[in-house]
Amino acid sequence: MSRDDLILLRAQNVSKRFGGVRALDQVSLQVTKGTLHGIIGPNGSGKTTLFNVLTGLIAVDSGTVWFKGENLTAVPPHARAKRGMRRTFQQVRLFGSLTVRQNILAAYLEHQDCRLLGRMLKRSSATHGPADEIIDFFGLRAFSEKVCSSLPYGTQKITEMARAMVSQPDLLMLDEPVNGMNAEEVLQVRRLFSSIRETFGTTILMIEHNMTLVMSECDIVTVLLSGANLAEGTPQEIASDPRVIEAYLGKRGDSHVA
């Protein structure tokens, strides 16, 4: 297998401007199959904009996006999802009036090209199998019949992750997955990362501000600053990079890296 065959996602010289603001400036990224790849950077560094470009929610001004060897730069978001790219958002995007099971079932049936929500939720029990398997995998059995809007925020975040995983994507993209979680919930997510990779072989790309999580779980970390690439390497390399320490982690004595 060649090195190119190991690259699942590639962004090449991606740029995006909003009015007079250059949100992304020639950003490049390579995500290797089977890795947990982190993206960090100060607020406003372009992390979520990059996610939106990669998933097709925002069109690039220039540059290209490749996924599984295919140029997806002009492919719409739903078609990218069909090809095996699924994501979560900074703010939870669940159907608040539906139960955990209904939310996950809806995501599964949407992947199966069922468009009408009413039909989704009335399909035969055969369609519930994958949803129930994911519910158990994510430890959500106790919450499966509860309306999502009534759940603790951390449980909602895990439910959204389960929704993204029910179609068993090749690439799971997580935008600040542990934001707002307590220590116990963060530990649960760390365990889920290991289980997702071992069970499904899923590649994970995440944006995260929790440096303990990033430095302990990621294989590779990409650092953005002011919409441009600043550094990339293993957590150990990033933690000792003077540019990163100055731009993102603060002075060497104030570093938050464990």
Protein backbone atom coordinates (compact mmCIF):
# COMPACT_ATOMS: atom_id res chain seq x y z
CA MET A 1 0.00 0.00 0.00
CA SER A 2 1.39 3.40 -0.99
CA ARG A 3 1.49 6.41 1.31
CA ASP A 4 -1.30 8.03 -0.72
CA ASP A 5 -3.52 5.00 -0.06
CA LEU A 6 -3.17 5.67 3.66
CA ILE A 7 -4.50 9.23 3.38
CA LEU A 8 -8.24 9.32 4.03
CA LEU A 9 -8.80 13.08 3.88
CA ARG A 10 -6.68 15.73 2.24
CA ALA A 11 -7.18 19.49 2.04
CA GLN A 12 -4.77 21.34 -0.23
CA ASN A 13 -4.18 25.11 0.01
CA VAL A 14 -7.75 25.85 1.09
CA SER A 15 -8.67 29.53 1.38
CA LYS A 16 -11.90 31.22 2.44
CA ARG A 17 -12.72 34.88 2.88
CA PHE A 18 -15.78 36.43 4.53
CA GLY A 19 -15.93 40.01 3.32
CA GLY A 20 -12.64 41.57 4.31
CA VAL A 21 -11.72 38.78 6.72
CA ARG A 22 -9.55 35.90 5.52
CA ALA A 23 -10.82 32.99 7.62
CA LEU A 24 -8.58 30.39 5.96
CA ASP A 25 -5.34 31.20 4.18
CA GLN A 26 -3.83 28.36 2.13
CA VAL A 27 -4.56 25.75 4.81
CA SER A 28 -3.46 22.19 4.10
CA LEU A 29 -4.32 19.05 6.07
CA GLN A 30 -3.77 15.31 5.70
CA VAL A 31 -5.63 12.79 7.84
CA THR A 32 -4.26 9.25 7.82
CA LYS A 33 -6.61 6.28 8.00
CA GLY A 34 -7.12 4.87 11.48
CA THR A 35 -5.73 7.87 13.37
CA LEU A 36 -7.22 10.26 15.87
CA HIS A 37 -6.19 13.64 14.45
CA GLY A 38 -6.67 16.79 16.50
CA ILE A 39 -7.01 20.39 15.36
CA ILE A 40 -6.23 23.09 17.90
CA GLY A 41 -5.77 26.84 17.87
CA PRO A 42 -6.98 30.00 19.58
CA ASN A 43 -10.56 31.17 19.14
CA GLY A 44 -10.94 32.65 15.67
CA SER A 45 -8.09 30.64 14.18
CA GLY A 46 -10.34 29.03 11.54
CA LYS A 47 -10.94 25.58 13.02
CA THR A 48 -14.71 25.40 12.58
CA THR A 49 -14.51 27.17 9.22
CA LEU A 50 -12.13 24.42 8.10
CA PHE A 51 -14.61 21.77 9.29
CA ASN A 52 -17.39 23.54 7.37
CA VAL A 53 -15.25 23.59 4.24
CA LEU A 54 -14.29 19.93 4.58
CA THR A 55 -17.94 18.88 4.95
CA GLY A 56 -19.20 21.17 2.18
CA LEU A 57 -21.28 23.51 4.33
CA ILE A 58 -19.13 26.37 3.04
CA ALA A 59 -17.70 26.58 -0.47
CA VAL A 60 -13.98 27.26 -0.77
CA ASP A 61 -12.65 30.30 -2.57
CA SER A 62 -9.64 28.27 -3.69
CA GLY A 63 -8.00 24.97 -2.94
CA THR A 64 -9.23 21.37 -3.08
CA VAL A 65 -10.68 18.75 -0.72
CA TRP A 66 -10.03 15.05 -1.36
CA PHE A 67 -11.71 12.17 0.47
CA LYS A 68 -10.86 8.51 -0.16
CA GLY A 69 -8.98 9.59 -3.29
CA GLU A 70 -11.93 11.52 -4.76
CA ASN A 71 -12.02 15.27 -5.32
CA LEU A 72 -15.07 16.44 -3.34
CA THR A 73 -14.47 20.17 -3.61
CA ALA A 74 -17.72 20.74 -5.54
CA VAL A 75 -19.71 17.91 -3.92
CA PRO A 76 -22.63 19.00 -1.64
CA PRO A 77 -22.74 18.13 2.09
CA HIS A 78 -25.31 15.30 1.87
CA ALA A 79 -23.28 13.57 -0.83
CA ARG A 80 -20.10 13.82 1.27
CA ALA A 81 -21.99 12.25 4.17
CA LYS A 82 -23.08 9.41 1.87
CA ARG A 83 -19.45 8.79 1.01
CA GLY A 84 -18.65 8.19 4.68
CA MET A 85 -17.99 11.59 6.26
CA ARG A 86 -20.07 12.44 9.35
CA ARG A 87 -19.73 15.27 11.85
CA THR A 88 -21.01 16.85 15.05
CA PHE A 89 -21.24 20.55 15.85
CA GLN A 90 -20.11 22.85 18.65
CA GLN A 91 -23.73 23.31 19.66
CA VAL A 92 -25.88 20.19 19.92
CA ARG A 93 -28.19 19.68 16.93
CA LEU A 94 -30.69 17.06 18.06
CA PHE A 95 -34.46 16.83 17.62
CA GLY A 96 -35.20 18.03 21.14
CA SER A 97 -38.77 16.74 21.21
CA LEU A 98 -37.77 13.22 20.15
CA THR A 99 -36.25 10.47 22.27
CA VAL A 100 -32.66 9.32 22.09
CA ARG A 101 -33.73 6.22 20.15
CA GLN A 102 -35.83 8.27 17.72
CA ASN A 103 -32.95 10.66 17.08
CA ILE A 104 -30.53 7.84 16.35
CA LEU A 105 -33.09 5.93 14.28
CA ALA A 106 -33.81 9.05 12.25
CA ALA A 107 -30.10 9.45 11.49
CA TYR A 108 -29.85 5.81 10.43
CA LEU A 109 -32.87 5.93 8.15
CA GLU A 110 -31.76 9.23 6.64
CA HIS A 111 -28.60 7.42 5.63
CA GLN A 112 -30.83 4.77 4.03
CA ASP A 113 -32.51 7.46 1.86
CA CYS A 114 -35.74 7.64 3.85
CA ARG A 115 -36.75 11.31 3.73
CA LEU A 116 -40.01 11.59 5.67
CA LEU A 117 -39.57 11.69 9.44
CA GLY A 118 -43.03 10.26 10.13
CA ARG A 119 -42.23 7.22 8.01
CA MET A 120 -38.84 6.93 9.63
CA LEU A 121 -40.25 6.47 13.09
CA LYS A 122 -42.93 3.97 12.04
CA ARG A 123 -40.73 1.57 10.11
CA SER A 124 -40.59 -2.08 11.11
CA SER A 125 -38.54 -3.26 14.07
CA ALA A 126 -35.87 -4.53 11.65
CA THR A 127 -34.65 -0.95 11.27
CA HIS A 128 -34.27 -0.57 15.04
CA GLY A 129 -31.42 -3.07 15.23
CA PRO A 130 -28.58 -0.72 14.20
CA ALA A 131 -30.01 2.07 16.35
CA ASP A 132 -30.24 -0.15 19.42
CA GLU A 133 -26.73 -1.49 18.84
CA ILE A 134 -25.36 2.05 18.80
CA ILE A 135 -27.42 2.97 21.88
CA ASP A 136 -25.78 0.13 23.77
CA PHE A 137 -22.34 0.87 22.35
CA PHE A 138 -22.52 4.47 23.60
CA GLY A 139 -23.96 3.51 26.99
CA LEU A 140 -27.26 5.28 26.34
CA ARG A 141 -29.67 2.45 27.19
CA ALA A 142 -30.90 4.18 30.37
CA PHE A 143 -31.74 7.30 28.34
CA SER A 144 -33.07 5.67 25.16
CA GLU A 145 -36.74 6.53 25.77
CA LYS A 146 -36.12 9.96 27.23
CA VAL A 147 -36.79 13.13 25.24
CA CYS A 148 -33.45 14.67 24.30
CA SER A 149 -34.28 18.17 25.51
CA SER A 150 -34.65 16.77 29.06
CA LEU A 151 -31.17 15.21 29.14
CA PRO A 152 -28.01 16.63 30.72
CA TYR A 153 -25.89 18.51 28.22
CA GLY A 154 -23.10 15.93 28.31
CA THR A 155 -25.54 13.14 27.50
CA GLN A 156 -26.90 15.17 24.60
CA LYS A 157 -23.36 15.53 23.24
CA ILE A 158 -22.81 11.77 23.47
CA THR A 159 -26.19 11.19 21.78
CA GLU A 160 -25.12 13.44 18.91
CA MET A 161 -21.91 11.45 18.58
CA ALA A 162 -24.00 8.25 18.50
CA ARG A 163 -26.17 9.75 15.74
CA ALA A 164 -23.07 10.43 13.68
CA MET A 165 -21.77 6.89 14.23
CA VAL A 166 -24.96 4.94 13.47
CA SER A 167 -24.13 4.92 9.74
CA GLN A 168 -20.60 3.66 10.58
CA PRO A 169 -18.74 6.40 8.68
CA ASP A 170 -15.15 6.14 7.56
CA LEU A 171 -14.44 9.55 9.09
CA LEU A 172 -16.03 10.91 12.28
CA MET A 173 -15.54 14.66 12.64
CA LEU A 174 -16.11 16.07 16.12
CA ASP A 175 -16.30 19.80 16.81
CA GLU A 176 -15.38 20.27 20.50
CA PRO A 177 -16.83 16.93 21.63
CA VAL A 178 -16.21 17.42 25.37
CA ASN A 179 -17.09 21.11 25.64
CA GLY A 180 -19.38 21.57 28.64
CA MET A 181 -18.78 18.06 30.00
CA ASN A 182 -17.77 17.15 33.53
CA ALA A 183 -14.72 15.02 34.31
CA GLU A 184 -16.66 11.75 34.37
CA GLU A 185 -18.24 12.47 30.99
CA VAL A 186 -14.86 13.38 29.50
CA LEU A 187 -13.50 10.04 30.72
CA GLN A 188 -16.46 8.30 29.05
CA VAL A 189 -15.64 10.02 25.77
CA ARG A 190 -12.01 8.98 26.02
CA ARG A 191 -13.11 5.37 26.40
CA LEU A 192 -15.47 5.76 23.47
CA PHE A 193 -12.64 6.99 21.25
CA SER A 194 -10.74 3.77 21.88
CA SER A 195 -13.82 1.60 21.37
CA ILE A 196 -14.85 3.37 18.15
CA ARG A 197 -11.43 2.90 16.61
CA GLU A 198 -11.07 -0.72 17.74
CA THR A 199 -14.62 -1.83 16.86
CA PHE A 200 -15.31 0.10 13.67
CA GLY A 201 -11.85 1.14 12.47
CA THR A 202 -13.18 4.68 12.21
CA THR A 203 -10.80 7.57 11.68
CA ILE A 204 -11.51 10.51 13.99
CA LEU A 205 -10.80 14.18 13.30
CA MET A 206 -11.61 16.53 16.14
CA ILE A 207 -11.43 20.17 17.14
CA GLU A 208 -10.87 20.50 20.86
CA HIS A 209 -9.76 23.03 23.48
CA ASN A 210 -9.27 20.45 26.23
CA MET A 211 -5.52 20.08 26.03
CA THR A 212 -5.38 17.12 28.38
CA LEU A 213 -7.70 15.21 26.04
CA VAL A 214 -5.82 16.30 22.92
CA MET A 215 -2.38 15.46 24.27
CA SER A 216 -3.41 12.10 25.69
CA GLU A 217 -5.60 10.77 22.86
CA CYS A 218 -4.44 12.23 19.53
CA ASP A 219 -1.90 10.61 17.25
CA ILE A 220 -1.30 13.80 15.27
CA VAL A 221 -2.16 17.42 16.09
CA THR A 222 -2.52 20.27 13.60
CA VAL A 223 -2.27 23.82 14.95
CA LEU A 224 -3.96 26.76 13.23
CA LEU A 225 -3.30 30.42 13.90
CA SER A 226 -5.11 33.32 12.22
CA GLY A 227 -6.53 31.00 9.56
CA ALA A 228 -3.18 29.47 8.56
CA ASN A 229 -1.12 26.38 9.37
CA LEU A 230 1.24 26.99 12.28
CA ALA A 231 2.53 23.53 13.18
CA GLU A 232 1.80 19.81 12.97
CA GLY A 233 3.20 16.78 14.72
CA THR A 234 2.73 14.31 17.52
CA PRO A 235 1.38 15.65 20.82
CA GLN A 236 4.90 15.55 22.25
CA GLU A 237 6.27 17.57 19.32
CA ILE A 238 3.45 20.10 19.55
CA ALA A 239 3.81 20.47 23.32
CA SER A 240 7.48 21.39 22.93
CA ASP A 241 7.17 23.58 19.82
CA PRO A 242 8.10 27.18 20.79
CA ARG A 243 5.73 28.63 18.18
CA VAL A 244 2.80 26.75 19.65
CA ILE A 245 3.73 27.54 23.22
CA GLU A 246 3.88 31.25 22.42
CA ALA A 247 0.84 31.44 20.14
CA TYR A 248 -1.56 29.03 21.79
CA LEU A 249 -0.44 27.56 25.09
CA GLY A 250 1.06 30.71 26.57
CA LYS A 251 4.53 31.09 28.02
CA ARG A 252 6.50 27.91 28.58
CA GLY A 253 5.99 28.19 32.33
CA ASP A 254 2.22 28.57 31.85
CA SER A 255 1.76 25.61 29.53
CA HIS A 256 -1.36 23.55 30.21
CA VAL A 257 0.00 20.46 28.53
CA ALA A 258 0.16 17.49 30.89
